[in-house]
């Protein structure tokens, strides 16, 4: 029993409302799901509240890394659908796309600024090279969604904050598995 803290952030947290019912999303509203339960509400857990507090109280943060132990991956936003950089209206903030997310099809793709995508992938590749040189281990770099669709994750929440409130610092965020 418990909450998957990396499904407990306020980014499309109420995924049944935002995702296609056909999406193979790796989230759960079932409190008996010991691996993927997203919690009774966004930020219901002290760990996600603490991360939000840090981001709220240190406004100069520009990068965020969430460490996991699943595999050898360097993941970057977005987790709700494939990245696209041509249609800014195709965004998590636009309710016209509710129930279309999570399929990786032409009907929806999450907007990411081209420069942000370049920075996120370039830096992820630098991380990959450094880990390989130091540890001899090859990590795979990929967009979160390419692993599986997700909602409520720490990296998407961290990156999304400047879209929701333009006064907030842009944060390039990663999940290292």
N, C-alpha and C. Protein backbone atom coordinates (compact mmCIF):
# COMPACT_ATOMS: atom_id res chain seq x y z
N UNK A 1 0.84 -1.19 0.00
CA UNK A 1 0.00 0.00 0.00
C UNK A 1 0.87 1.23 0.00
N UNK A 2 0.44 2.22 -0.70
CA UNK A 2 1.17 3.48 -0.73
C UNK A 2 0.95 4.20 -2.03
N UNK A 3 1.60 5.33 -2.15
CA UNK A 3 1.46 6.19 -3.32
C UNK A 3 2.77 6.17 -4.09
N UNK A 4 2.68 6.08 -5.41
CA UNK A 4 3.86 6.26 -6.26
C UNK A 4 4.10 7.77 -6.32
N UNK A 5 5.11 8.22 -5.63
CA UNK A 5 5.36 9.66 -5.54
C UNK A 5 5.58 10.26 -6.93
N UNK A 6 6.12 9.49 -7.86
CA UNK A 6 6.34 10.01 -9.21
C UNK A 6 5.08 9.92 -10.07
N UNK A 7 3.93 9.88 -9.46
CA UNK A 7 2.63 10.04 -10.11
C UNK A 7 1.78 11.03 -9.33
N UNK A 8 2.41 11.72 -8.34
CA UNK A 8 1.69 12.53 -7.37
C UNK A 8 1.85 14.03 -7.58
N UNK A 9 2.46 14.43 -8.69
CA UNK A 9 2.68 15.86 -8.98
C UNK A 9 1.51 16.40 -9.80
N UNK A 10 1.35 17.71 -9.74
CA UNK A 10 0.23 18.38 -10.39
C UNK A 10 0.54 18.65 -11.88
N UNK A 11 0.68 17.56 -12.62
CA UNK A 11 0.79 17.65 -14.08
C UNK A 11 -0.12 16.57 -14.65
N UNK A 12 -1.29 16.99 -15.15
CA UNK A 12 -2.29 16.06 -15.68
C UNK A 12 -2.57 14.93 -14.68
N UNK A 13 -2.52 15.29 -13.39
CA UNK A 13 -2.64 14.30 -12.32
C UNK A 13 -3.91 13.47 -12.45
N UNK A 14 -5.02 14.10 -12.74
CA UNK A 14 -6.30 13.39 -12.89
C UNK A 14 -6.37 12.79 -14.30
N UNK A 15 -5.47 11.86 -14.56
CA UNK A 15 -5.25 11.37 -15.92
C UNK A 15 -6.50 10.81 -16.62
N UNK A 16 -7.49 10.19 -15.93
CA UNK A 16 -8.65 9.71 -16.68
C UNK A 16 -9.38 10.82 -17.43
N UNK A 17 -9.28 12.05 -16.93
CA UNK A 17 -9.90 13.19 -17.59
C UNK A 17 -9.10 13.65 -18.81
N UNK A 18 -7.79 13.51 -18.76
CA UNK A 18 -6.91 14.10 -19.77
C UNK A 18 -6.45 13.13 -20.85
N UNK A 19 -6.40 11.84 -20.56
CA UNK A 19 -5.85 10.86 -21.48
C UNK A 19 -6.95 10.10 -22.21
N UNK A 20 -6.62 9.61 -23.38
CA UNK A 20 -7.52 8.73 -24.11
C UNK A 20 -7.75 7.47 -23.27
N UNK A 21 -8.96 6.96 -23.30
CA UNK A 21 -9.25 5.72 -22.58
C UNK A 21 -8.49 4.54 -23.20
N UNK A 22 -7.95 4.72 -24.40
CA UNK A 22 -7.17 3.68 -25.07
C UNK A 22 -5.67 3.78 -24.78
N UNK A 23 -5.26 4.83 -24.08
CA UNK A 23 -3.84 5.02 -23.79
C UNK A 23 -3.34 3.95 -22.82
N UNK A 24 -2.15 3.48 -23.07
CA UNK A 24 -1.53 2.46 -22.19
C UNK A 24 -0.78 3.15 -21.07
N UNK A 25 -1.47 4.02 -20.35
CA UNK A 25 -0.84 4.85 -19.32
C UNK A 25 -0.41 4.00 -18.12
N UNK A 26 0.72 4.36 -17.57
CA UNK A 26 1.27 3.66 -16.41
C UNK A 26 1.00 4.49 -15.15
N UNK A 27 -0.28 4.66 -14.83
CA UNK A 27 -0.76 5.35 -13.64
C UNK A 27 -1.99 4.59 -13.16
N UNK A 28 -2.36 4.80 -11.90
CA UNK A 28 -3.52 4.11 -11.37
C UNK A 28 -4.23 4.99 -10.33
N UNK A 29 -5.55 4.93 -10.34
CA UNK A 29 -6.35 5.58 -9.30
C UNK A 29 -6.76 4.59 -8.21
N UNK A 30 -6.28 3.38 -8.31
CA UNK A 30 -6.64 2.31 -7.37
C UNK A 30 -5.68 2.33 -6.19
N UNK A 31 -6.16 2.65 -4.98
CA UNK A 31 -5.27 2.70 -3.82
C UNK A 31 -4.65 1.34 -3.47
N UNK A 32 -5.18 0.26 -4.02
CA UNK A 32 -4.60 -1.06 -3.78
C UNK A 32 -3.49 -1.40 -4.78
N UNK A 33 -3.28 -0.51 -5.77
CA UNK A 33 -2.18 -0.72 -6.73
C UNK A 33 -0.90 -0.24 -6.06
N UNK A 34 -0.10 -1.17 -5.60
CA UNK A 34 1.07 -0.83 -4.80
C UNK A 34 2.21 -0.22 -5.62
N UNK A 35 2.10 -0.22 -6.94
CA UNK A 35 3.20 0.33 -7.75
C UNK A 35 2.87 1.66 -8.41
N UNK A 36 1.61 1.90 -8.78
CA UNK A 36 1.31 3.05 -9.63
C UNK A 36 0.21 3.97 -9.12
N UNK A 37 -0.26 3.78 -7.88
CA UNK A 37 -1.33 4.62 -7.35
C UNK A 37 -0.85 6.07 -7.28
N UNK A 38 -1.64 6.98 -7.90
CA UNK A 38 -1.24 8.38 -7.97
C UNK A 38 -1.61 9.20 -6.73
N UNK A 39 -2.28 8.60 -5.77
CA UNK A 39 -2.62 9.28 -4.52
C UNK A 39 -4.01 9.85 -4.55
N UNK A 40 -4.52 10.27 -3.39
CA UNK A 40 -5.87 10.82 -3.32
C UNK A 40 -6.00 12.20 -3.95
N UNK A 41 -4.87 12.91 -4.10
CA UNK A 41 -4.85 14.22 -4.77
C UNK A 41 -3.42 14.53 -5.16
N UNK A 42 -3.27 15.46 -6.07
CA UNK A 42 -1.92 15.92 -6.42
C UNK A 42 -1.29 16.52 -5.17
N UNK A 43 -0.02 16.24 -4.96
CA UNK A 43 0.74 16.73 -3.81
C UNK A 43 0.17 16.26 -2.48
N UNK A 44 -0.44 15.08 -2.46
CA UNK A 44 -0.94 14.54 -1.20
C UNK A 44 0.17 13.98 -0.32
N UNK A 45 1.35 13.76 -0.90
CA UNK A 45 2.43 13.11 -0.17
C UNK A 45 3.51 14.11 0.25
N UNK A 46 4.13 13.90 1.41
CA UNK A 46 5.15 14.85 1.88
C UNK A 46 6.34 14.96 0.93
N UNK A 47 6.69 13.88 0.24
CA UNK A 47 7.84 13.94 -0.66
C UNK A 47 7.58 14.86 -1.85
N UNK A 48 6.39 14.76 -2.46
CA UNK A 48 6.08 15.65 -3.57
C UNK A 48 5.86 17.08 -3.07
N UNK A 49 5.29 17.24 -1.88
CA UNK A 49 5.13 18.57 -1.29
C UNK A 49 6.50 19.22 -1.05
N UNK A 50 7.46 18.43 -0.58
CA UNK A 50 8.80 18.96 -0.33
C UNK A 50 9.48 19.39 -1.61
N UNK A 51 9.35 18.60 -2.67
CA UNK A 51 9.95 18.99 -3.95
C UNK A 51 9.31 20.27 -4.46
N UNK A 52 8.00 20.39 -4.35
CA UNK A 52 7.30 21.62 -4.77
C UNK A 52 7.79 22.80 -3.93
N UNK A 53 7.95 22.59 -2.63
CA UNK A 53 8.42 23.66 -1.75
C UNK A 53 9.80 24.15 -2.20
N UNK A 54 10.69 23.23 -2.51
CA UNK A 54 12.03 23.62 -2.97
C UNK A 54 11.91 24.45 -4.25
N UNK A 55 11.12 23.99 -5.22
CA UNK A 55 10.98 24.74 -6.47
C UNK A 55 10.33 26.10 -6.24
N UNK A 56 9.36 26.17 -5.33
CA UNK A 56 8.69 27.44 -5.04
C UNK A 56 9.58 28.43 -4.29
N UNK A 57 10.49 27.92 -3.46
CA UNK A 57 11.27 28.80 -2.58
C UNK A 57 12.68 29.09 -3.07
N UNK A 58 13.09 28.44 -4.13
CA UNK A 58 14.40 28.71 -4.73
C UNK A 58 14.17 28.99 -6.21
N UNK A 59 13.76 30.22 -6.53
CA UNK A 59 13.29 30.54 -7.88
C UNK A 59 14.37 30.53 -8.97
N UNK A 60 15.62 30.34 -8.61
CA UNK A 60 16.68 30.34 -9.62
C UNK A 60 17.05 28.94 -10.10
N UNK A 61 16.35 27.92 -9.63
CA UNK A 61 16.62 26.55 -10.08
C UNK A 61 16.34 26.47 -11.57
N UNK A 62 17.30 25.92 -12.31
CA UNK A 62 17.14 25.79 -13.75
C UNK A 62 17.13 24.34 -14.22
N UNK A 63 17.54 23.42 -13.35
CA UNK A 63 17.58 22.00 -13.71
C UNK A 63 17.06 21.17 -12.54
N UNK A 64 16.44 20.05 -12.88
CA UNK A 64 15.86 19.16 -11.88
C UNK A 64 16.17 17.74 -12.31
N UNK A 65 16.62 16.91 -11.38
CA UNK A 65 16.88 15.50 -11.66
C UNK A 65 16.19 14.66 -10.58
N UNK A 66 15.37 13.72 -11.01
CA UNK A 66 14.72 12.77 -10.12
C UNK A 66 15.40 11.42 -10.35
N UNK A 67 15.96 10.84 -9.28
CA UNK A 67 16.68 9.58 -9.39
C UNK A 67 15.78 8.39 -9.05
N UNK A 68 15.79 7.39 -9.91
CA UNK A 68 15.01 6.17 -9.73
C UNK A 68 15.95 4.98 -9.85
N UNK A 69 15.42 3.78 -9.69
CA UNK A 69 16.28 2.59 -9.74
C UNK A 69 15.76 1.53 -10.70
N UNK A 70 14.98 1.91 -11.69
CA UNK A 70 14.38 0.95 -12.61
C UNK A 70 15.39 0.37 -13.61
N UNK A 71 16.12 1.21 -14.28
CA UNK A 71 17.01 0.74 -15.35
C UNK A 71 18.05 1.79 -15.65
N UNK A 72 18.64 1.68 -16.79
CA UNK A 72 19.71 2.59 -17.20
C UNK A 72 19.19 3.52 -18.29
N UNK A 73 18.40 4.52 -17.83
CA UNK A 73 17.74 5.44 -18.74
C UNK A 73 17.94 6.87 -18.27
N UNK A 74 18.01 7.78 -19.23
CA UNK A 74 17.96 9.21 -18.96
C UNK A 74 16.74 9.71 -19.72
N UNK A 75 15.71 10.10 -18.98
CA UNK A 75 14.43 10.48 -19.56
C UNK A 75 14.20 11.98 -19.41
N UNK A 76 13.58 12.57 -20.43
CA UNK A 76 13.23 13.99 -20.39
C UNK A 76 11.79 14.17 -20.85
N UNK A 77 11.22 15.34 -20.57
CA UNK A 77 9.81 15.63 -20.86
C UNK A 77 9.54 15.59 -22.36
N UNK A 78 8.38 15.19 -22.65
CA UNK A 78 7.15 14.99 -21.90
C UNK A 78 6.83 13.50 -21.76
N UNK A 79 6.01 13.19 -20.74
CA UNK A 79 5.58 11.81 -20.54
C UNK A 79 4.16 11.54 -21.01
N UNK A 80 3.40 12.59 -21.30
CA UNK A 80 1.99 12.38 -21.66
C UNK A 80 1.79 12.06 -23.13
N UNK A 81 2.72 12.47 -23.99
CA UNK A 81 2.61 12.14 -25.40
C UNK A 81 3.92 12.50 -26.09
N UNK A 82 4.00 12.19 -27.37
CA UNK A 82 5.21 12.52 -28.13
C UNK A 82 5.43 14.01 -28.17
N UNK A 83 6.68 14.42 -28.14
CA UNK A 83 7.03 15.84 -28.26
C UNK A 83 6.74 16.32 -29.67
N UNK A 84 6.32 17.58 -29.78
CA UNK A 84 6.20 18.26 -31.06
C UNK A 84 6.51 19.73 -30.82
N UNK A 85 7.08 20.38 -31.82
CA UNK A 85 7.52 21.78 -31.67
C UNK A 85 6.90 22.71 -32.71
N UNK A 86 5.78 22.32 -33.28
CA UNK A 86 5.19 23.15 -34.32
C UNK A 86 3.85 23.78 -33.95
N UNK A 87 3.12 23.22 -32.99
CA UNK A 87 1.79 23.71 -32.67
C UNK A 87 1.68 24.00 -31.18
N UNK A 88 1.94 25.27 -30.77
CA UNK A 88 1.88 25.61 -29.35
C UNK A 88 0.50 25.43 -28.72
N UNK A 89 -0.56 25.44 -29.53
CA UNK A 89 -1.89 25.27 -28.94
C UNK A 89 -2.13 23.82 -28.51
N UNK A 90 -1.33 22.90 -29.03
CA UNK A 90 -1.42 21.50 -28.64
C UNK A 90 -0.60 21.35 -27.36
N UNK A 91 -1.28 21.57 -26.23
CA UNK A 91 -0.59 21.71 -24.96
C UNK A 91 -1.43 21.12 -23.84
N UNK A 92 -0.76 20.70 -22.78
CA UNK A 92 -1.44 20.17 -21.60
C UNK A 92 -2.43 21.17 -21.02
N UNK A 93 -2.28 22.46 -21.33
CA UNK A 93 -3.17 23.48 -20.79
C UNK A 93 -4.44 23.65 -21.63
N UNK A 94 -4.51 23.03 -22.80
CA UNK A 94 -5.63 23.21 -23.69
C UNK A 94 -6.64 22.07 -23.52
N UNK A 95 -7.81 22.36 -22.92
CA UNK A 95 -8.80 21.31 -22.68
C UNK A 95 -9.38 20.71 -23.96
N UNK A 96 -9.19 21.35 -25.11
CA UNK A 96 -9.68 20.79 -26.37
C UNK A 96 -9.04 19.44 -26.67
N UNK A 97 -7.88 19.17 -26.06
CA UNK A 97 -7.17 17.92 -26.31
C UNK A 97 -7.38 16.88 -25.21
N UNK A 98 -8.24 17.19 -24.24
CA UNK A 98 -8.54 16.19 -23.22
C UNK A 98 -9.12 14.95 -23.88
N UNK A 99 -8.75 13.81 -23.38
CA UNK A 99 -9.16 12.49 -23.88
C UNK A 99 -8.47 12.10 -25.18
N UNK A 100 -7.50 12.90 -25.63
CA UNK A 100 -6.73 12.55 -26.84
C UNK A 100 -5.29 12.19 -26.52
N UNK A 101 -4.84 12.49 -25.32
CA UNK A 101 -3.43 12.30 -24.97
C UNK A 101 -3.09 10.82 -24.73
N UNK A 102 -1.80 10.55 -24.89
CA UNK A 102 -1.28 9.25 -24.50
C UNK A 102 -1.24 8.20 -25.59
N UNK A 103 -1.59 8.56 -26.80
CA UNK A 103 -1.63 7.57 -27.88
C UNK A 103 -0.43 7.64 -28.81
N UNK A 104 0.28 8.77 -28.81
CA UNK A 104 1.41 8.90 -29.72
C UNK A 104 1.00 8.97 -31.17
N UNK A 105 -0.17 9.52 -31.42
CA UNK A 105 -0.70 9.62 -32.78
C UNK A 105 -0.74 11.07 -33.22
N UNK A 106 -1.05 11.30 -34.48
CA UNK A 106 -1.08 12.65 -35.05
C UNK A 106 -2.14 13.54 -34.42
N UNK A 107 -3.14 12.96 -33.75
CA UNK A 107 -4.20 13.76 -33.15
C UNK A 107 -3.72 14.61 -31.98
N UNK A 108 -2.57 14.24 -31.38
CA UNK A 108 -2.04 15.02 -30.28
C UNK A 108 -0.55 14.77 -30.14
N UNK A 109 0.17 15.83 -29.81
CA UNK A 109 1.58 15.77 -29.45
C UNK A 109 1.84 16.93 -28.51
N UNK A 110 2.55 16.71 -27.42
CA UNK A 110 2.77 17.76 -26.42
C UNK A 110 3.81 18.75 -26.92
N UNK A 111 3.44 20.04 -26.87
CA UNK A 111 4.32 21.09 -27.36
C UNK A 111 5.53 21.28 -26.44
N UNK A 112 6.69 21.33 -27.05
CA UNK A 112 7.92 21.68 -26.36
C UNK A 112 8.65 22.68 -27.25
N UNK A 113 9.15 23.73 -26.65
CA UNK A 113 9.88 24.73 -27.42
C UNK A 113 11.08 24.07 -28.09
N UNK A 114 11.34 24.38 -29.36
CA UNK A 114 12.47 23.75 -30.05
C UNK A 114 13.80 23.91 -29.31
N UNK A 115 14.06 25.09 -28.76
CA UNK A 115 15.31 25.31 -28.03
C UNK A 115 15.37 24.46 -26.76
N UNK A 116 14.23 24.29 -26.09
CA UNK A 116 14.19 23.46 -24.88
C UNK A 116 14.45 22.00 -25.22
N UNK A 117 13.87 21.55 -26.31
CA UNK A 117 14.11 20.17 -26.74
C UNK A 117 15.58 19.96 -27.07
N UNK A 118 16.18 20.94 -27.71
CA UNK A 118 17.60 20.86 -28.05
C UNK A 118 18.46 20.81 -26.79
N UNK A 119 18.17 21.69 -25.83
CA UNK A 119 18.94 21.70 -24.58
C UNK A 119 18.74 20.38 -23.83
N UNK A 120 17.50 19.92 -23.72
CA UNK A 120 17.22 18.69 -22.97
C UNK A 120 17.94 17.49 -23.58
N UNK A 121 17.90 17.36 -24.90
CA UNK A 121 18.55 16.21 -25.53
C UNK A 121 20.07 16.34 -25.53
N UNK A 122 20.56 17.53 -25.77
CA UNK A 122 22.02 17.74 -25.77
C UNK A 122 22.61 17.43 -24.40
N UNK A 123 22.00 17.99 -23.35
CA UNK A 123 22.51 17.75 -22.00
C UNK A 123 22.36 16.28 -21.60
N UNK A 124 21.26 15.65 -21.99
CA UNK A 124 21.08 14.22 -21.70
C UNK A 124 22.17 13.40 -22.36
N UNK A 125 22.55 13.76 -23.57
CA UNK A 125 23.63 13.06 -24.26
C UNK A 125 24.98 13.31 -23.60
N UNK A 126 25.18 14.50 -23.05
CA UNK A 126 26.40 14.79 -22.28
C UNK A 126 26.45 13.90 -21.04
N UNK A 127 25.30 13.81 -20.34
CA UNK A 127 25.22 12.91 -19.18
C UNK A 127 25.56 11.48 -19.57
N UNK A 128 24.96 11.02 -20.68
CA UNK A 128 25.18 9.66 -21.15
C UNK A 128 26.67 9.40 -21.41
N UNK A 129 27.33 10.33 -22.09
CA UNK A 129 28.75 10.19 -22.39
C UNK A 129 29.59 10.16 -21.12
N UNK A 130 29.25 11.03 -20.16
CA UNK A 130 30.01 11.09 -18.91
C UNK A 130 29.84 9.81 -18.10
N UNK A 131 28.63 9.27 -18.04
CA UNK A 131 28.39 8.03 -17.31
C UNK A 131 29.16 6.88 -17.98
N UNK A 132 29.11 6.86 -19.29
CA UNK A 132 29.83 5.81 -20.03
C UNK A 132 31.33 5.89 -19.75
N UNK A 133 31.88 7.11 -19.77
CA UNK A 133 33.32 7.28 -19.53
C UNK A 133 33.71 6.91 -18.11
N UNK A 134 32.86 7.25 -17.15
CA UNK A 134 33.18 7.00 -15.74
C UNK A 134 32.89 5.57 -15.31
N UNK A 135 31.73 5.05 -15.69
CA UNK A 135 31.28 3.76 -15.18
C UNK A 135 31.34 2.63 -16.20
N UNK A 136 31.49 2.99 -17.47
CA UNK A 136 31.47 1.96 -18.52
C UNK A 136 30.07 1.44 -18.80
N UNK A 137 29.06 2.15 -18.32
CA UNK A 137 27.66 1.75 -18.49
C UNK A 137 27.00 2.69 -19.49
N UNK A 138 26.29 2.11 -20.44
CA UNK A 138 25.61 2.92 -21.44
C UNK A 138 24.16 3.11 -21.06
N UNK A 139 23.80 4.34 -20.77
CA UNK A 139 22.42 4.70 -20.49
C UNK A 139 21.74 5.08 -21.80
N UNK A 140 20.47 4.78 -21.91
CA UNK A 140 19.68 5.14 -23.08
C UNK A 140 19.01 6.48 -22.82
N UNK A 141 19.13 7.39 -23.78
CA UNK A 141 18.48 8.70 -23.70
C UNK A 141 17.19 8.62 -24.50
N UNK A 142 16.08 9.04 -23.86
CA UNK A 142 14.82 9.05 -24.58
C UNK A 142 13.83 9.97 -23.88
N UNK A 143 12.83 10.35 -24.64
CA UNK A 143 11.72 11.11 -24.09
C UNK A 143 10.91 10.18 -23.18
N UNK A 144 10.39 10.71 -22.07
CA UNK A 144 9.60 9.92 -21.12
C UNK A 144 8.55 9.06 -21.83
N UNK A 145 7.79 9.66 -22.72
CA UNK A 145 6.69 8.96 -23.39
C UNK A 145 7.16 7.72 -24.13
N UNK A 146 8.40 7.73 -24.60
CA UNK A 146 8.91 6.58 -25.36
C UNK A 146 9.10 5.35 -24.47
N UNK A 147 9.11 5.54 -23.17
CA UNK A 147 9.12 4.40 -22.25
C UNK A 147 7.68 3.90 -22.09
N UNK A 148 6.78 4.81 -21.70
CA UNK A 148 5.34 4.57 -21.64
C UNK A 148 4.69 5.88 -21.22
N UNK A 149 3.40 6.07 -21.54
CA UNK A 149 2.72 7.31 -21.16
C UNK A 149 2.56 7.41 -19.64
N UNK A 150 2.76 8.62 -19.13
CA UNK A 150 2.63 8.87 -17.69
C UNK A 150 1.96 10.23 -17.45
N UNK A 151 1.46 10.37 -16.23
CA UNK A 151 0.90 11.64 -15.76
C UNK A 151 1.36 11.83 -14.32
N UNK A 152 1.42 13.08 -13.89
CA UNK A 152 1.75 13.37 -12.50
C UNK A 152 3.21 13.19 -12.15
N UNK A 153 4.11 13.19 -13.12
CA UNK A 153 5.52 12.94 -12.84
C UNK A 153 6.26 14.21 -12.45
N UNK A 154 7.34 14.01 -11.72
CA UNK A 154 8.14 15.14 -11.21
C UNK A 154 8.79 15.94 -12.32
N UNK A 155 9.33 15.27 -13.33
CA UNK A 155 10.02 16.03 -14.39
C UNK A 155 9.04 16.83 -15.23
N UNK A 156 7.88 16.26 -15.56
CA UNK A 156 6.90 17.03 -16.32
C UNK A 156 6.36 18.20 -15.50
N UNK A 157 6.10 17.96 -14.22
CA UNK A 157 5.64 19.07 -13.37
C UNK A 157 6.69 20.18 -13.32
N UNK A 158 7.93 19.81 -13.10
CA UNK A 158 9.00 20.81 -12.98
C UNK A 158 9.14 21.63 -14.25
N UNK A 159 9.09 20.95 -15.40
CA UNK A 159 9.23 21.67 -16.67
C UNK A 159 7.97 22.49 -16.99
N UNK A 160 6.80 22.01 -16.61
CA UNK A 160 5.54 22.67 -16.98
C UNK A 160 5.28 23.98 -16.24
N UNK A 161 5.93 24.17 -15.12
CA UNK A 161 5.62 25.32 -14.26
C UNK A 161 5.72 26.66 -14.98
N UNK A 162 6.69 26.84 -15.84
CA UNK A 162 6.85 28.13 -16.52
C UNK A 162 5.80 28.36 -17.60
N UNK A 163 5.15 27.30 -18.08
CA UNK A 163 4.03 27.47 -19.01
C UNK A 163 2.80 27.96 -18.25
N UNK A 164 2.55 27.35 -17.10
CA UNK A 164 1.39 27.70 -16.29
C UNK A 164 1.53 29.11 -15.71
N UNK A 165 2.72 29.47 -15.28
CA UNK A 165 2.99 30.77 -14.68
C UNK A 165 4.29 31.32 -15.28
N UNK A 166 4.18 32.19 -16.29
CA UNK A 166 5.38 32.69 -16.97
C UNK A 166 6.37 33.43 -16.07
N UNK A 167 5.97 33.78 -14.85
CA UNK A 167 6.91 34.43 -13.94
C UNK A 167 7.88 33.42 -13.31
N UNK A 168 7.58 32.15 -13.45
CA UNK A 168 8.45 31.11 -12.88
C UNK A 168 9.60 30.79 -13.82
N UNK A 169 10.72 30.42 -13.23
CA UNK A 169 11.93 30.03 -13.96
C UNK A 169 11.66 28.76 -14.78
N UNK A 170 12.16 28.73 -15.99
CA UNK A 170 12.11 27.50 -16.78
C UNK A 170 13.07 26.49 -16.15
N UNK A 171 12.61 25.26 -16.01
CA UNK A 171 13.42 24.19 -15.43
C UNK A 171 13.48 23.04 -16.42
N UNK A 172 14.66 22.71 -16.88
CA UNK A 172 14.86 21.53 -17.71
C UNK A 172 14.99 20.36 -16.74
N UNK A 173 14.14 19.36 -16.91
CA UNK A 173 14.04 18.30 -15.91
C UNK A 173 14.27 16.91 -16.51
N UNK A 174 14.80 16.05 -15.67
CA UNK A 174 15.13 14.68 -16.08
C UNK A 174 14.70 13.69 -15.01
N UNK A 175 14.47 12.46 -15.47
CA UNK A 175 14.38 11.32 -14.58
C UNK A 175 15.50 10.38 -14.99
N UNK A 176 16.37 10.08 -14.05
CA UNK A 176 17.44 9.11 -14.28
C UNK A 176 16.98 7.80 -13.66
N UNK A 177 16.86 6.78 -14.49
CA UNK A 177 16.51 5.45 -14.01
C UNK A 177 17.80 4.67 -13.86
